[in-house]
Protein backbone atom coordinates (compact mmCIF):
# COMPACT_ATOMS: atom_id res chain seq x y z
CA UNK A 1 51.30 -105.21 1.89
CA UNK A 2 49.40 -108.45 2.57
CA UNK A 3 47.83 -110.28 -0.42
CA UNK A 4 44.32 -109.37 0.76
CA UNK A 5 45.17 -105.69 1.14
CA UNK A 6 46.93 -105.73 -2.23
CA UNK A 7 43.86 -107.25 -3.88
CA UNK A 8 41.65 -104.65 -2.22
CA UNK A 9 43.93 -101.81 -3.33
CA UNK A 10 43.93 -103.00 -6.95
CA UNK A 11 40.14 -103.36 -6.88
CA UNK A 12 39.77 -99.81 -5.59
CA UNK A 13 42.10 -98.46 -8.28
CA UNK A 14 40.15 -100.33 -10.94
CA UNK A 15 36.83 -98.89 -9.77
CA UNK A 16 38.12 -95.32 -9.51
CA UNK A 17 39.89 -95.35 -12.86
CA UNK A 18 36.98 -96.90 -14.73
CA UNK A 19 34.72 -94.15 -13.40
CA UNK A 20 37.21 -91.51 -14.56
CA UNK A 21 37.32 -93.09 -17.98
CA UNK A 22 33.55 -93.23 -18.26
CA UNK A 23 33.34 -89.52 -17.46
CA UNK A 24 35.14 -88.62 -20.69
CA UNK A 25 32.94 -87.08 -23.35
CA UNK A 26 32.73 -88.57 -26.84
CA UNK A 27 34.65 -85.55 -28.12
CA UNK A 28 37.43 -86.19 -25.61
CA UNK A 29 37.48 -89.88 -26.47
CA UNK A 30 37.87 -89.15 -30.17
CA UNK A 31 40.48 -86.47 -29.57
CA UNK A 32 42.56 -88.75 -27.36
CA UNK A 33 42.46 -91.52 -29.96
CA UNK A 34 43.67 -89.14 -32.67
CA UNK A 35 46.54 -87.85 -30.53
CA UNK A 36 47.63 -91.36 -29.54
CA UNK A 37 47.72 -92.29 -33.23
CA UNK A 38 49.71 -89.12 -33.92
CA UNK A 39 52.19 -89.94 -31.13
CA UNK A 40 52.71 -93.46 -32.47
CA UNK A 41 53.25 -92.26 -36.01
CA UNK A 42 55.59 -89.49 -34.86
CA UNK A 43 57.77 -91.92 -32.94
CA UNK A 44 58.72 -93.91 -36.02
CA UNK A 45 57.74 -97.13 -34.22
CA UNK A 46 55.69 -98.47 -37.12
CA UNK A 47 58.59 -98.19 -39.55
CA UNK A 48 60.18 -101.14 -37.76
CA UNK A 49 57.05 -103.27 -37.32
CA UNK A 50 55.63 -105.88 -39.64
CA UNK A 51 52.87 -107.43 -37.52
CA UNK A 52 50.94 -105.88 -34.64
CA UNK A 53 48.38 -107.27 -32.21
CA UNK A 54 45.74 -104.68 -31.34
CA UNK A 55 42.71 -104.78 -29.05
CA UNK A 56 39.29 -103.41 -29.96
CA UNK A 57 37.96 -100.97 -27.31
CA UNK A 58 35.40 -101.75 -24.63
CA UNK A 59 34.11 -99.70 -21.72
CA UNK A 60 35.69 -96.37 -22.83
CA UNK A 61 39.13 -97.90 -23.40
CA UNK A 62 41.33 -95.82 -25.66
CA UNK A 63 39.84 -96.25 -29.12
CA UNK A 64 42.21 -98.12 -31.46
CA UNK A 65 40.18 -97.90 -34.64
CA UNK A 66 42.13 -94.89 -36.03
CA UNK A 67 45.37 -96.78 -35.35
CA UNK A 68 44.11 -99.99 -36.97
CA UNK A 69 43.13 -98.09 -40.11
CA UNK A 70 46.63 -96.60 -40.34
CA UNK A 71 48.25 -100.00 -39.81
CA UNK A 72 46.21 -101.55 -42.61
CA UNK A 73 46.94 -98.62 -44.91
CA UNK A 74 50.66 -99.15 -44.24
CA UNK A 75 50.32 -102.83 -45.17
CA UNK A 76 50.96 -104.16 -41.67
CA UNK A 77 49.60 -107.50 -40.49
CA UNK A 78 46.99 -106.76 -37.81
CA UNK A 79 45.70 -109.44 -35.45
CA UNK A 80 43.02 -109.14 -32.80
CA UNK A 81 42.61 -111.03 -29.50
CA UNK A 82 40.16 -113.89 -29.12
CA UNK A 83 39.08 -115.06 -25.66
CA UNK A 84 39.41 -118.80 -25.19
CA UNK A 85 38.41 -121.12 -22.29
CA UNK A 86 40.38 -120.95 -19.01
CA UNK A 87 40.92 -117.19 -19.44
CA UNK A 88 43.29 -117.67 -22.35
CA UNK A 89 43.88 -115.43 -25.36
CA UNK A 90 44.81 -116.28 -28.90
CA UNK A 91 45.40 -113.82 -31.71
CA UNK A 92 43.82 -114.02 -35.15
CA UNK A 93 44.14 -112.04 -38.35
CA UNK A 94 40.62 -111.34 -39.68
CA UNK A 95 39.91 -111.79 -43.37
CA UNK A 96 38.54 -108.24 -43.29
CA UNK A 97 38.57 -105.70 -40.46
CA UNK A 98 34.83 -105.95 -39.99
CA UNK A 99 34.55 -109.72 -40.43
CA UNK A 100 33.97 -110.05 -36.70
CA UNK A 101 31.69 -111.84 -34.26
CA UNK A 102 30.68 -110.88 -30.72
CA UNK A 103 31.87 -113.04 -27.80
CA UNK A 104 30.04 -113.70 -24.54
CA UNK A 105 31.40 -110.46 -23.04
CA UNK A 106 30.11 -108.32 -25.89
CA UNK A 107 33.60 -107.88 -27.37
CA UNK A 108 34.14 -108.05 -31.13
CA UNK A 109 36.53 -110.82 -32.23
CA UNK A 110 37.71 -112.22 -35.56
CA UNK A 111 35.40 -114.79 -37.10
CA UNK A 112 37.03 -118.18 -36.31
CA UNK A 113 35.80 -119.59 -39.63
CA UNK A 114 37.53 -117.01 -41.80
CA UNK A 115 40.44 -115.64 -39.70
CA UNK A 116 44.00 -116.94 -39.46
CA UNK A 117 45.68 -117.90 -36.20
CA UNK A 118 48.95 -116.08 -35.49
CA UNK A 119 51.16 -116.92 -32.52
CA UNK A 120 51.85 -114.01 -30.20
CA UNK A 121 55.63 -114.18 -30.41
CA UNK A 122 55.58 -113.55 -34.17
CA UNK A 123 54.27 -110.01 -33.63
CA UNK A 124 56.57 -107.01 -33.47
CA UNK A 125 54.28 -105.13 -31.08
CA UNK A 126 51.26 -105.86 -28.96
CA UNK A 127 49.12 -102.83 -28.16
CA UNK A 128 47.42 -103.57 -24.84
CA UNK A 129 44.35 -102.11 -23.12
CA UNK A 130 44.54 -101.09 -19.48
CA UNK A 131 42.54 -99.56 -16.66
CA UNK A 132 45.50 -98.00 -14.82
CA UNK A 133 49.26 -97.66 -15.19
CA UNK A 134 52.10 -96.25 -13.10
CA UNK A 135 55.53 -94.72 -13.62
CA UNK A 136 57.23 -98.14 -13.54
CA UNK A 137 55.30 -99.81 -16.36
CA UNK A 138 52.94 -101.71 -14.07
CA UNK A 139 49.43 -102.22 -15.34
CA UNK A 140 45.97 -103.01 -14.02
CA UNK A 141 43.59 -104.54 -16.53
CA UNK A 142 40.00 -105.65 -16.19
CA UNK A 143 40.96 -108.41 -13.77
CA UNK A 144 40.87 -111.55 -15.92
CA UNK A 145 44.63 -111.90 -16.34
CA UNK A 146 44.30 -112.66 -20.06
CA UNK A 147 47.30 -110.67 -21.25
CA UNK A 148 49.54 -111.76 -18.36
CA UNK A 149 48.92 -115.42 -19.24
CA UNK A 150 49.38 -114.89 -22.96
CA UNK A 151 52.66 -113.03 -22.50
CA UNK A 152 53.97 -115.49 -19.91
CA UNK A 153 53.39 -118.35 -22.36
CA UNK A 154 54.96 -116.60 -25.34
CA UNK A 155 58.25 -118.00 -26.68
CA UNK A 156 59.41 -114.43 -27.20
CA UNK A 157 57.59 -111.36 -25.99
CA UNK A 158 56.76 -108.72 -28.55
CA UNK A 159 57.15 -105.10 -27.54
CA UNK A 160 54.32 -104.58 -25.02
CA UNK A 161 52.81 -101.12 -25.33
CA UNK A 162 49.82 -99.98 -23.32
CA UNK A 163 47.42 -97.45 -24.84
CA UNK A 164 45.58 -95.22 -22.40
CA UNK A 165 44.06 -91.90 -21.53
CA UNK A 166 46.53 -89.82 -19.52
CA UNK A 167 44.04 -89.63 -16.64
CA UNK A 168 44.56 -93.37 -16.08
CA UNK A 169 48.00 -92.69 -14.61
CA UNK A 170 48.19 -93.93 -10.99
CA UNK A 171 51.00 -93.06 -8.58
CA UNK A 172 51.85 -96.59 -7.46
CA UNK A 173 50.21 -99.88 -8.43
CA UNK A 174 50.51 -102.93 -6.14
CA UNK A 175 52.15 -105.68 -8.19
CA UNK A 176 51.26 -109.38 -8.22
CA UNK A 177 53.96 -111.99 -8.77
CA UNK A 178 52.36 -113.04 -12.07
CA UNK A 179 51.94 -109.54 -13.51
CA UNK A 180 53.78 -108.85 -16.76
CA UNK A 181 55.08 -105.29 -16.98
CA UNK A 182 54.81 -103.12 -20.07
CA UNK A 183 57.67 -101.84 -22.20
CA UNK A 184 55.90 -98.54 -22.79
CA UNK A 185 52.66 -96.59 -22.44
CA UNK A 186 51.35 -94.10 -24.98
CA UNK A 187 48.65 -91.58 -24.09
CA UNK A 188 47.30 -88.49 -25.80
CA UNK A 189 50.00 -86.45 -24.01
CA UNK A 190 53.10 -88.62 -23.61
CA UNK A 191 55.10 -91.61 -24.76
CA UNK A 192 56.76 -93.31 -21.76
CA UNK A 193 59.38 -96.04 -22.20
CA UNK A 194 60.08 -98.46 -19.35
CA UNK A 195 62.56 -100.72 -21.15
CA UNK A 196 65.64 -100.01 -23.23
CA UNK A 197 64.19 -101.65 -26.31
CA UNK A 198 61.06 -99.49 -26.04
CA UNK A 199 63.17 -96.35 -25.68
CA UNK A 200 65.02 -97.28 -28.86
CA UNK A 201 61.84 -98.19 -30.75
CA UNK A 202 60.06 -94.98 -29.74
CA UNK A 203 63.17 -92.80 -30.01
CA UNK A 204 62.75 -91.41 -26.48
CA UNK A 205 64.54 -91.58 -23.15
CA UNK A 206 63.70 -94.17 -20.52
CA UNK A 207 61.06 -92.98 -18.07
CA UNK A 208 62.60 -91.37 -15.00
CA UNK A 209 65.85 -90.42 -16.77
């Protein structure tokens, strides 16, 4: 596939999947978030984690607030992404969960005056948003490349786990050379592991086996 056709295919997938996501009712959104939290807790993943990076939802992304509340109750360190110039991300631990400010995209971020910077590689897990995913751990995000850059720059990559609605599954995603694949995806229905370390952490078999 030529680069132009690949770009067009990814754009089409992004449009289609965002429309599917927007069609979910509030009841479905809340139900999916609860089941994803249940799947994470049932896997035992959090027993081996000390610090987690978690996104806050936008545009009908899988809601992470139930998960964040559990993480804080368990005494885990929770950091949130902050958008920086040149499409870069940094991760900060807010002084309190709701000590947040709104960035230029309307996304809530930790207050830079009261939060603590935490380098990405010191996290056990990064829970990532996505628009679409496939059976090989490939991911389409919103198109800014923020997570790909952050993970490419990390000294050591934490376990990269996408959180999604099951309907965001896509048969085959065209992959760019700079794309960073996920170790696992967790939806309201399934936990899928794409790397050996994810299979061990989630106590499941590798996808496709």
